[in-house]
Structure formats: C-alpha cells, structure tokens
PDB file of N, CA and C in Angstrom:
ATOM      1  N   MET A   1      32.560  20.151 -22.390  1.00  0.00           N
ATOM      2  CA  MET A   1      34.202  20.192 -21.959  1.00  0.00           C
ATOM      3  C   MET A   1      35.165  19.428 -22.217  1.00  0.00           C
ATOM      4  N   LEU A   2      36.276  19.431 -22.127  1.00  0.00           N
ATOM      5  CA  LEU A   2      37.116  18.562 -22.531  1.00  0.00           C
ATOM      6  C   LEU A   2      37.627  17.552 -21.422  1.00  0.00           C
ATOM      7  N   ALA A   3      38.424  16.551 -20.690  1.00  0.00           N
ATOM      8  CA  ALA A   3      38.212  15.540 -19.553  1.00  0.00           C
ATOM      9  C   ALA A   3      39.357  16.323 -18.837  1.00  0.00           C
ATOM     10  N   GLY A   4      39.559  15.858 -17.610  1.00  0.00           N
ATOM     11  CA  GLY A   4      40.671  16.255 -16.837  1.00  0.00           C
ATOM     12  C   GLY A   4      40.240  17.807 -16.527  1.00  0.00           C
ATOM     13  N   ARG A   5      41.272  18.258 -15.349  1.00  0.00           N
ATOM     14  CA  ARG A   5      40.868  19.173 -14.742  1.00  0.00           C
ATOM     15  C   ARG A   5      41.379  20.562 -15.511  1.00  0.00           C
ATOM     16  N   TRP A   6      40.470  21.640 -14.894  1.00  0.00           N
ATOM     17  CA  TRP A   6      41.074  22.970 -15.983  1.00  0.00           C
ATOM     18  C   TRP A   6      40.573  23.597 -15.142  1.00  0.00           C
ATOM     19  N   ARG A   7      41.667  24.865 -15.115  1.00  0.00           N
ATOM     20  CA  ARG A   7      41.699  26.227 -14.374  1.00  0.00           C
ATOM     21  C   ARG A   7      41.074  27.416 -15.393  1.00  0.00           C
ATOM     22  N   LEU A   8      40.632  28.381 -14.186  1.00  0.00           N
ATOM     23  CA  LEU A   8      40.701  29.693 -15.479  1.00  0.00           C
ATOM     24  C   LEU A   8      41.601  30.739 -15.682  1.00  0.00           C
ATOM     25  N   GLU A   9      43.250  30.688 -15.895  1.00  0.00           N
ATOM     26  CA  GLU A   9      44.383  31.555 -15.819  1.00  0.00           C
ATOM     27  C   GLU A   9      44.201  32.679 -16.543  1.00  0.00           C
ATOM     28  N   GLY A  10      43.474  33.619 -16.559  1.00  0.00           N
ATOM     29  CA  GLY A  10      43.464  35.251 -17.298  1.00  0.00           C
ATOM     30  C   GLY A  10      42.278  34.982 -17.965  1.00  0.00           C
ATOM     31  N   ARG A  11      42.968  35.009 -19.004  1.00  0.00           N
ATOM     32  CA  ARG A  11      41.800  34.296 -20.317  1.00  0.00           C
ATOM     33  C   ARG A  11      41.323  33.518 -20.995  1.00  0.00           C
ATOM     34  N   ARG A  12      42.076  32.255 -20.122  1.00  0.00           N
ATOM     35  CA  ARG A  12      42.294  31.086 -20.722  1.00  0.00           C
ATOM     36  C   ARG A  12      41.873  29.884 -20.081  1.00  0.00           C
ATOM     37  N   TRP A  13      41.938  28.435 -20.381  1.00  0.00           N
ATOM     38  CA  TRP A  13      41.445  28.155 -19.515  1.00  0.00           C
ATOM     39  C   TRP A  13      43.097  27.064 -20.082  1.00  0.00           C
ATOM     40  N   ARG A  14      43.102  26.570 -18.481  1.00  0.00           N
ATOM     41  CA  ARG A  14      44.866  25.218 -18.733  1.00  0.00           C
ATOM     42  C   ARG A  14      44.348  24.066 -17.873  1.00  0.00           C
ATOM     43  N   ARG A  15      44.773  23.290 -17.934  1.00  0.00           N
ATOM     44  CA  ARG A  15      44.791  21.843 -17.825  1.00  0.00           C
ATOM     45  C   ARG A  15      45.767  22.083 -15.882  1.00  0.00           C
ATOM     46  N   THR A  16      44.873  21.385 -15.555  1.00  0.00           N
ATOM     47  CA  THR A  16      45.882  21.719 -14.331  1.00  0.00           C
ATOM     48  C   THR A  16      46.247  20.213 -14.170  1.00  0.00           C
ATOM     49  N   GLU A  17      46.106  18.898 -14.775  1.00  0.00           N
ATOM     50  CA  GLU A  17      47.096  17.904 -14.399  1.00  0.00           C
ATOM     51  C   GLU A  17      47.507  17.608 -16.001  1.00  0.00           C
ATOM     52  N   PRO A  18      48.872  17.014 -15.660  1.00  0.00           N
ATOM     53  CA  PRO A  18      48.912  16.736 -17.269  1.00  0.00           C
ATOM     54  C   PRO A  18      48.605  15.508 -18.104  1.00  0.00           C
ATOM     55  N   ALA A  19      48.623  16.147 -19.166  1.00  0.00           N
ATOM     56  CA  ALA A  19      47.525  15.233 -20.137  1.00  0.00           C
ATOM     57  C   ALA A  19      48.244  14.023 -20.535  1.00  0.00           C
ATOM     58  N   VAL A  20      47.296  12.644 -20.573  1.00  0.00           N
ATOM     59  CA  VAL A  20      47.496  11.503 -20.428  1.00  0.00           C
ATOM     60  C   VAL A  20      48.086  10.999 -22.152  1.00  0.00           C
ATOM     61  N   GLY A  21      49.045  10.532 -21.991  1.00  0.00           N
ATOM     62  CA  GLY A  21      49.036   9.677 -23.221  1.00  0.00           C
ATOM     63  C   GLY A  21      49.039   8.476 -23.852  1.00  0.00           C
ATOM     64  N   LEU A  22      48.625   8.951 -24.810  1.00  0.00           N
ATOM     65  CA  LEU A  22      48.291   7.080 -25.438  1.00  0.00           C
ATOM     66  C   LEU A  22      49.225   6.652 -26.218  1.00  0.00           C
ATOM     67  N   ARG A  23      49.408   5.165 -26.679  1.00  0.00           N
ATOM     68  CA  ARG A  23      50.371   4.604 -27.524  1.00  0.00           C
ATOM     69  C   ARG A  23      49.454   4.153 -28.262  1.00  0.00           C
ATOM     70  N   ALA A  24      49.476   4.144 -29.912  1.00  0.00           N
ATOM     71  CA  ALA A  24      48.996   3.464 -30.580  1.00  0.00           C
ATOM     72  C   ALA A  24      48.815   1.678 -30.671  1.00  0.00           C
ATOM     73  N   LEU A  25      48.281   0.550 -30.511  1.00  0.00           N
ATOM     74  CA  LEU A  25      48.571  -0.955 -30.592  1.00  0.00           C
ATOM     75  C   LEU A  25      48.662  -1.457 -31.451  1.00  0.00           C
ATOM     76  N   TYR A  26      47.960  -0.889 -32.923  1.00  0.00           N
ATOM     77  CA  TYR A  26      47.930  -1.842 -33.669  1.00  0.00           C
ATOM     78  C   TYR A  26      47.011  -0.243 -34.978  1.00  0.00           C
ATOM     79  N   ASN A  27      47.541  -1.235 -36.696  1.00  0.00           N
ATOM     80  CA  ASN A  27      47.203  -0.028 -37.710  1.00  0.00           C
ATOM     81  C   ASN A  27      45.936   0.322 -37.395  1.00  0.00           C
ATOM     82  N   TYR A  28      44.955   0.923 -37.759  1.00  0.00           N
ATOM     83  CA  TYR A  28      43.889   1.617 -38.241  1.00  0.00           C
ATOM     84  C   TYR A  28      43.481   2.458 -39.306  1.00  0.00           C
ATOM     85  N   THR A  29      43.063   2.144 -40.290  1.00  0.00           N
ATOM     86  CA  THR A  29      42.376   3.903 -40.764  1.00  0.00           C
ATOM     87  C   THR A  29      40.635   3.444 -40.760  1.00  0.00           C
ATOM     88  N   TYR A  30      40.285   4.923 -41.582  1.00  0.00           N
ATOM     89  CA  TYR A  30      39.033   4.728 -41.041  1.00  0.00           C
ATOM     90  C   TYR A  30      38.151   6.583 -42.275  1.00  0.00           C
ATOM     91  N   ARG A  31      37.094   6.062 -42.674  1.00  0.00           N
ATOM     92  CA  ARG A  31      36.755   7.500 -43.082  1.00  0.00           C
ATOM     93  C   ARG A  31      35.404   8.391 -42.334  1.00  0.00           C
ATOM     94  N   ALA A  32      35.999   9.432 -41.703  1.00  0.00           N
ATOM     95  CA  ALA A  32      35.568   9.794 -40.581  1.00  0.00           C
ATOM     96  C   ALA A  32      33.774  10.326 -41.406  1.00  0.00           C
ATOM     97  N   GLU A  33      32.964  10.578 -41.021  1.00  0.00           N
ATOM     98  CA  GLU A  33      31.729  10.951 -41.265  1.00  0.00           C
ATOM     99  C   GLU A  33      31.775  12.356 -42.375  1.00  0.00           C
ATOM    100  N   ASP A  34      33.007  13.222 -41.369  1.00  0.00           N
ATOM    101  CA  ASP A  34      33.090  14.705 -42.785  1.00  0.00           C
ATOM    102  C   ASP A  34      33.510  14.333 -44.305  1.00  0.00           C
ATOM    103  N   GLY A  35      34.406  12.681 -44.052  1.00  0.00           N
ATOM    104  CA  GLY A  35      34.757  12.630 -45.546  1.00  0.00           C
ATOM    105  C   GLY A  35      36.344  12.355 -45.247  1.00  0.00           C
ATOM    106  N   ARG A  36      36.912  12.872 -44.110  1.00  0.00           N
ATOM    107  CA  ARG A  36      38.280  12.983 -44.289  1.00  0.00           C
ATOM    108  C   ARG A  36      38.268  11.936 -43.817  1.00  0.00           C
ATOM    109  N   HIS A  37      39.846  11.108 -44.189  1.00  0.00           N
ATOM    110  CA  HIS A  37      40.415   9.912 -44.217  1.00  0.00           C
ATOM    111  C   HIS A  37      41.518  10.564 -42.760  1.00  0.00           C
ATOM    112  N   VAL A  38      41.189   8.685 -41.932  1.00  0.00           N
ATOM    113  CA  VAL A  38      41.800   9.076 -40.530  1.00  0.00           C
ATOM    114  C   VAL A  38      42.593   8.154 -40.281  1.00  0.00           C
ATOM    115  N   ALA A  39      44.007   7.879 -40.021  1.00  0.00           N
ATOM    116  CA  ALA A  39      44.660   6.173 -39.817  1.00  0.00           C
ATOM    117  C   ALA A  39      45.586   6.410 -39.109  1.00  0.00           C
ATOM    118  N   MET A  40      45.979   6.089 -38.263  1.00  0.00           N
ATOM    119  CA  MET A  40      46.871   5.434 -37.657  1.00  0.00           C
ATOM    120  C   MET A  40      47.633   4.799 -37.176  1.00  0.00           C
ATOM    121  N   ALA A  41      49.005   4.747 -36.914  1.00  0.00           N
ATOM    122  CA  ALA A  41      50.307   3.993 -37.189  1.00  0.00           C
ATOM    123  C   ALA A  41      50.647   2.900 -35.758  1.00  0.00           C
ATOM    124  N   ALA A  42      51.079   1.543 -35.795  1.00  0.00           N
ATOM    125  CA  ALA A  42      51.244   0.679 -35.039  1.00  0.00           C
ATOM    126  C   ALA A  42      52.199   1.843 -33.886  1.00  0.00           C
ATOM    127  N   GLY A  43      52.720   2.047 -33.057  1.00  0.00           N
ATOM    128  CA  GLY A  43      53.495   2.597 -32.616  1.00  0.00           C
ATOM    129  C   GLY A  43      53.351   4.325 -32.073  1.00  0.00           C
ATOM    130  N   GLU A  44      52.262   4.579 -32.435  1.00  0.00           N
ATOM    131  CA  GLU A  44      52.332   6.767 -32.735  1.00  0.00           C
ATOM    132  C   GLU A  44      51.803   6.781 -31.656  1.00  0.00           C
ATOM    133  N   GLN A  45      51.895   7.960 -30.977  1.00  0.00           N
ATOM    134  CA  GLN A  45      51.632   8.323 -30.065  1.00  0.00           C
ATOM    135  C   GLN A  45      50.775   9.585 -30.047  1.00  0.00           C
ATOM    136  N   PHE A  46      49.802   9.450 -29.400  1.00  0.00           N
ATOM    137  CA  PHE A  46      48.575  10.662 -28.446  1.00  0.00           C
ATOM    138  C   PHE A  46      48.700  11.594 -27.809  1.00  0.00           C
ATOM    139  N   LEU A  47      47.970  12.311 -27.151  1.00  0.00           N
ATOM    140  CA  LEU A  47      47.357  12.966 -26.712  1.00  0.00           C
ATOM    141  C   LEU A  47      45.736  12.707 -26.156  1.00  0.00           C
ATOM    142  N   LEU A  48      45.300  12.307 -25.393  1.00  0.00           N
ATOM    143  CA  LEU A  48      43.938  12.021 -24.379  1.00  0.00           C
ATOM    144  C   LEU A  48      43.361  13.532 -24.783  1.00  0.00           C
ATOM    145  N   LEU A  49      41.909  13.865 -25.530  1.00  0.00           N
ATOM    146  CA  LEU A  49      41.439  14.898 -24.859  1.00  0.00           C
ATOM    147  C   LEU A  49      39.819  14.460 -24.364  1.00  0.00           C
ATOM    148  N   HIS A  50      39.284  13.542 -25.023  1.00  0.00           N
ATOM    149  CA  HIS A  50      38.718  13.334 -23.926  1.00  0.00           C
ATOM    150  C   HIS A  50      37.496  11.925 -24.261  1.00  0.00           C
ATOM    151  N   LYS A  51      37.168  11.135 -23.454  1.00  0.00           N
ATOM    152  CA  LYS A  51      36.845   9.994 -23.624  1.00  0.00           C
ATOM    153  C   LYS A  51      35.111  10.098 -23.969  1.00  0.00           C
ATOM    154  N   ALA A  52      34.722   9.804 -25.402  1.00  0.00           N
ATOM    155  CA  ALA A  52      33.484   9.942 -25.211  1.00  0.00           C
ATOM    156  C   ALA A  52      32.694   9.184 -24.793  1.00  0.00           C
ATOM    157  N   ASN A  53      32.911   7.873 -25.146  1.00  0.00           N
ATOM    158  CA  ASN A  53      32.647   6.617 -24.328  1.00  0.00           C
ATOM    159  C   ASN A  53      33.530   5.629 -24.424  1.00  0.00           C
ATOM    160  N   GLU A  54      32.967   4.405 -24.292  1.00  0.00           N
ATOM    161  CA  GLU A  54      33.544   3.210 -23.044  1.00  0.00           C
ATOM    162  C   GLU A  54      34.822   3.188 -25.171  1.00  0.00           C
ATOM    163  N   ASP A  55      34.121   3.088 -26.576  1.00  0.00           N
ATOM    164  CA  ASP A  55      34.686   2.740 -27.180  1.00  0.00           C
ATOM    165  C   ASP A  55      35.978   3.991 -28.212  1.00  0.00           C
ATOM    166  N   TRP A  56      35.083   5.120 -28.395  1.00  0.00           N
ATOM    167  CA  TRP A  56      35.388   5.692 -28.731  1.00  0.00           C
ATOM    168  C   TRP A  56      36.636   6.886 -27.860  1.00  0.00           C
ATOM    169  N   TRP A  57      38.041   7.236 -28.069  1.00  0.00           N
ATOM    170  CA  TRP A  57      38.070   8.340 -27.330  1.00  0.00           C
ATOM    171  C   TRP A  57      38.958   9.249 -28.627  1.00  0.00           C
ATOM    172  N   GLN A  58      38.450  10.838 -28.320  1.00  0.00           N
ATOM    173  CA  GLN A  58      38.755  12.185 -28.620  1.00  0.00           C
ATOM    174  C   GLN A  58      40.443  12.004 -28.211  1.00  0.00           C
ATOM    175  N   VAL A  59      41.610  12.091 -29.920  1.00  0.00           N
ATOM    176  CA  VAL A  59      42.637  12.456 -29.256  1.00  0.00           C
ATOM    177  C   VAL A  59      43.449  13.262 -30.391  1.00  0.00           C
ATOM    178  N   ARG A  60      44.356  13.729 -30.196  1.00  0.00           N
ATOM    179  CA  ARG A  60      45.505  14.608 -31.042  1.00  0.00           C
ATOM    180  C   ARG A  60      46.983  13.839 -30.882  1.00  0.00           C
ATOM    181  N   ARG A  61      47.438  13.904 -32.147  1.00  0.00           N
ATOM    182  CA  ARG A  61      49.011  13.216 -32.180  1.00  0.00           C
ATOM    183  C   ARG A  61      49.346  14.776 -31.908  1.00  0.00           C
ATOM    184  N   ALA A  62      50.430  13.420 -30.623  1.00  0.00           N
ATOM    185  CA  ALA A  62      51.427  14.632 -29.974  1.00  0.00           C
ATOM    186  C   ALA A  62      52.623  15.257 -30.524  1.00  0.00           C
ATOM    187  N   SER A  63      52.621  14.955 -31.804  1.00  0.00           N
ATOM    188  CA  SER A  63      53.630  15.781 -32.747  1.00  0.00           C
ATOM    189  C   SER A  63      53.102  16.899 -33.188  1.00  0.00           C
ATOM    190  N   GLU A  64      51.855  17.142 -33.008  1.00  0.00           N
ATOM    191  CA  GLU A  64      51.022  18.191 -34.157  1.00  0.00           C
ATOM    192  C   GLU A  64      50.957  19.591 -33.159  1.00  0.00           C
ATOM    193  N   PRO A  65      50.760  19.985 -33.439  1.00  0.00           N
ATOM    194  CA  PRO A  65      50.295  22.079 -32.619  1.00  0.00           C
ATOM    195  C   PRO A  65      48.634  21.652 -32.046  1.00  0.00           C
ATOM    196  N   ARG A  66      48.859  22.155 -30.930  1.00  0.00           N
ATOM    197  CA  ARG A  66      47.360  22.425 -30.086  1.00  0.00           C
ATOM    198  C   ARG A  66      46.391  22.531 -30.488  1.00  0.00           C
ATOM    199  N   TRP A  67      46.343  23.445 -32.431  1.00  0.00           N
ATOM    200  CA  TRP A  67      45.480  23.728 -33.123  1.00  0.00           C
ATOM    201  C   TRP A  67      45.380  22.905 -33.653  1.00  0.00           C
ATOM    202  N   ALA A  68      45.596  22.005 -34.272  1.00  0.00           N
ATOM    203  CA  ALA A  68      45.267  20.826 -34.526  1.00  0.00           C
ATOM    204  C   ALA A  68      44.060  19.790 -34.614  1.00  0.00           C
ATOM    205  N   ARG A  69      43.365  19.827 -35.811  1.00  0.00           N
ATOM    206  CA  ARG A  69      42.048  19.322 -35.353  1.00  0.00           C
ATOM    207  C   ARG A  69      41.688  17.929 -35.034  1.00  0.00           C
ATOM    208  N   PRO A  70      41.723  17.912 -33.644  1.00  0.00           N
ATOM    209  CA  PRO A  70      41.202  16.411 -33.144  1.00  0.00           C
ATOM    210  C   PRO A  70      40.226  15.328 -33.574  1.00  0.00           C
ATOM    211  N   PHE A  71      40.590  14.351 -33.528  1.00  0.00           N
ATOM    212  CA  PHE A  71      40.077  12.693 -33.958  1.00  0.00           C
ATOM    213  C   PHE A  71      39.677  11.700 -33.692  1.00  0.00           C
ATOM    214  N   PHE A  72      38.906  10.786 -33.521  1.00  0.00           N
ATOM    215  CA  PHE A  72      38.822   9.644 -32.485  1.00  0.00           C
ATOM    216  C   PHE A  72      39.463   8.129 -32.795  1.00  0.00           C
ATOM    217  N   VAL A  73      40.191   7.546 -32.275  1.00  0.00           N
ATOM    218  CA  VAL A  73      40.373   6.113 -32.111  1.00  0.00           C
ATOM    219  C   VAL A  73      39.669   5.146 -31.309  1.00  0.00           C
ATOM    220  N   PRO A  74      39.267   3.978 -31.504  1.00  0.00           N
ATOM    221  CA  PRO A  74      38.434   2.948 -31.327  1.00  0.00           C
ATOM    222  C   PRO A  74      39.453   2.462 -29.227  1.00  0.00           C
ATOM    223  N   ALA A  75      39.289   2.742 -28.000  1.00  0.00           N
ATOM    224  CA  ALA A  75      39.904   2.703 -27.558  1.00  0.00           C
ATOM    225  C   ALA A  75      40.206   1.151 -27.046  1.00  0.00           C
ATOM    226  N   THR A  76      39.918   0.193 -27.620  1.00  0.00           N
ATOM    227  CA  THR A  76      40.946  -1.198 -27.741  1.00  0.00           C
ATOM    228  C   THR A  76      42.086  -0.888 -28.808  1.00  0.00           C
ATOM    229  N   TYR A  77      42.437  -0.254 -29.058  1.00  0.00           N
ATOM    230  CA  TYR A  77      43.441   0.002 -29.934  1.00  0.00           C
ATOM    231  C   TYR A  77      44.907   0.823 -29.714  1.00  0.00           C
ATOM    232  N   VAL A  78      43.858   1.737 -28.235  1.00  0.00           N
ATOM    233  CA  VAL A  78      45.245   2.443 -27.873  1.00  0.00           C
ATOM    234  C   VAL A  78      46.090   2.053 -25.882  1.00  0.00           C
ATOM    235  N   ALA A  79      46.322   2.134 -25.709  1.00  0.00           N
ATOM    236  CA  ALA A  79      47.163   1.931 -24.405  1.00  0.00           C
ATOM    237  C   ALA A  79      47.321   3.092 -23.435  1.00  0.00           C
ATOM    238  N   GLU A  80      46.686   3.474 -22.146  1.00  0.00           N
ATOM    239  CA  GLU A  80      47.559   4.701 -21.659  1.00  0.00           C
ATOM    240  C   GLU A  80      49.041   4.410 -21.666  1.00  0.00           C
ATOM    241  N   LEU A  81      49.688   5.814 -21.734  1.00  0.00           N
ATOM    242  CA  LEU A  81      51.070   5.547 -21.473  1.00  0.00           C
ATOM    243  C   LEU A  81      51.097   6.035 -19.628  1.00  0.00           C
ATOM    244  N   ASP A  82      52.383   5.208 -19.103  1.00  0.00           N
ATOM    245  CA  ASP A  82      52.695   6.351 -17.627  1.00  0.00           C
ATOM    246  C   ASP A  82      53.618   7.379 -18.018  1.00  0.00           C
ATOM    247  N   PRO A  83      53.547   8.503 -17.212  1.00  0.00           N
ATOM    248  CA  PRO A  83      53.471   9.072 -16.940  1.00  0.00           C
ATOM    249  C   PRO A  83      55.162   9.932 -17.825  1.00  0.00           C
ATOM    250  N   GLY A  84      55.759   9.047 -17.046  1.00  0.00           N
ATOM    251  CA  GLY A  84      57.527   9.139 -17.626  1.00  0.00           C
ATOM    252  C   GLY A  84      57.568   8.366 -18.629  1.00  0.00           C
ATOM    253  N   ASP A  85      56.688   7.890 -19.575  1.00  0.00           N
ATOM    254  CA  ASP A  85      56.992   6.838 -20.292  1.00  0.00           C
ATOM    255  C   ASP A  85      56.351   7.961 -22.311  1.00  0.00           C
ATOM    256  N   THR A  86      56.107   8.876 -21.857  1.00  0.00           N
ATOM    257  CA  THR A  86      55.743   9.255 -23.247  1.00  0.00           C
ATOM    258  C   THR A  86      56.715   9.688 -23.825  1.00  0.00           C
ATOM    259  N   GLY A  87      58.320  10.088 -23.484  1.00  0.00           N
ATOM    260  CA  GLY A  87      59.063  10.221 -24.520  1.00  0.00           C
ATOM    261  C   GLY A  87      60.095   8.860 -25.507  1.00  0.00           C
ATOM    262  N   ARG A  88      59.170   8.291 -24.574  1.00  0.00           N
ATOM    263  CA  ARG A  88      60.427   7.261 -24.996  1.00  0.00           C
ATOM    264  C   ARG A  88      59.935   6.401 -26.288  1.00  0.00           C
ATOM    265  N   GLN A  89      61.020   6.244 -26.771  1.00  0.00           N
ATOM    266  CA  GLN A  89      60.602   5.535 -28.540  1.00  0.00           C
ATOM    267  C   GLN A  89      60.422   3.659 -27.807  1.00  0.00           C
ATOM    268  N   ASN A  90      59.875   3.321 -28.971  1.00  0.00           N
ATOM    269  CA  ASN A  90      59.918   1.929 -28.680  1.00  0.00           C
ATOM    270  C   ASN A  90      60.679   1.194 -29.417  1.00  0.00           C
ATOM    271  N   THR A  91      62.131   0.913 -29.214  1.00  0.00           N
ATOM    272  CA  THR A  91      63.828   0.373 -29.766  1.00  0.00           C
ATOM    273  C   THR A  91      62.928  -0.668 -30.602  1.00  0.00           C
ATOM    274  N   LEU A  92      62.314  -1.491 -30.802  1.00  0.00           N
ATOM    275  CA  LEU A  92      61.256  -2.919 -31.633  1.00  0.00           C
ATOM    276  C   LEU A  92      61.934  -2.705 -32.387  1.00  0.00           C
ATOM    277  N   PRO A  93      61.938  -3.268 -33.312  1.00  0.00           N
ATOM    278  CA  PRO A  93      61.268  -3.133 -35.110  1.00  0.00           C
ATOM    279  C   PRO A  93      59.846  -3.680 -35.300  1.00  0.00           C
ATOM    280  N   PRO A  94      59.041  -3.079 -35.941  1.00  0.00           N
ATOM    281  CA  PRO A  94      57.656  -3.726 -35.657  1.00  0.00           C
ATOM    282  C   PRO A  94      56.761  -4.522 -35.960  1.00  0.00           C
ATOM    283  N   SER A  95      58.242  -5.365 -36.712  1.00  0.00           N
ATOM    284  CA  SER A  95      57.870  -6.735 -37.040  1.00  0.00           C
ATOM    285  C   SER A  95      57.596  -8.139 -35.616  1.00  0.00           C
ATOM    286  N   GLN A  96      59.096  -7.823 -34.438  1.00  0.00           N
ATOM    287  CA  GLN A  96      58.941  -8.428 -33.764  1.00  0.00           C
ATOM    288  C   GLN A  96      58.288  -7.952 -32.178  1.00  0.00           C
ATOM    289  N   PRO A  97      57.487  -8.954 -31.481  1.00  0.00           N
ATOM    290  CA  PRO A  97      57.118  -8.464 -30.339  1.00  0.00           C
ATOM    291  C   PRO A  97      57.445  -8.171 -29.351  1.00  0.00           C
ATOM    292  N   ALA A  98      56.567  -7.806 -28.607  1.00  0.00           N
ATOM    293  CA  ALA A  98      57.913  -6.576 -27.604  1.00  0.00           C
ATOM    294  C   ALA A  98      57.035  -7.556 -26.715  1.00  0.00           C
TER     295      ALA A  98
END
C-alpha cells in the first residue's frame, strides 16, 4: 500500500491527507532495472508516493497524470516542500545559489 492515510470511497481508495510535494535539489540520471532511462533536473517537482527505505523514495512528476509510471529518486537529492510552497517556482536562475 502507498504511504499516507487512505479511505475507501465507493470503489476507489482516496488519500485523506494532501500529497507530499518534493523538489529536486540536484540533477540526477540512472538506468532502472527494467532498462528505462530515468532523469531528474534540479528544481523539478514531484509527488511522494512511497518511502521505500531511507535512501530511495518512489515518486511521480507533479506535472504528469495520475496513471503515469512512478520511479525512484535518491532521498538525499530531494527536499520536502511545505504545503504552501507546491505551486511556487524558483525565480533565481539555476546558476545562482538560493
């Protein structure tokens, strides 16, 4: 089961608490076990689906639909966003520190 609290509404499971937003801190690429090339860019936003362990978290891009295939990111390369920060974009160019 995915992380968080869920409730059954009719025939569907719904999350009872808002999804946790994440922001990538660094660029990172790897090849998954199934051969897919997975890449994330600094500043990209994700929705946390499951904390598989302390090192790898399962996510989905915030811009993708719900049925998009999830993937794993290293936990140390992402930061959790405050609930109010999920819609805000970083206005600094990528070359300048925050």
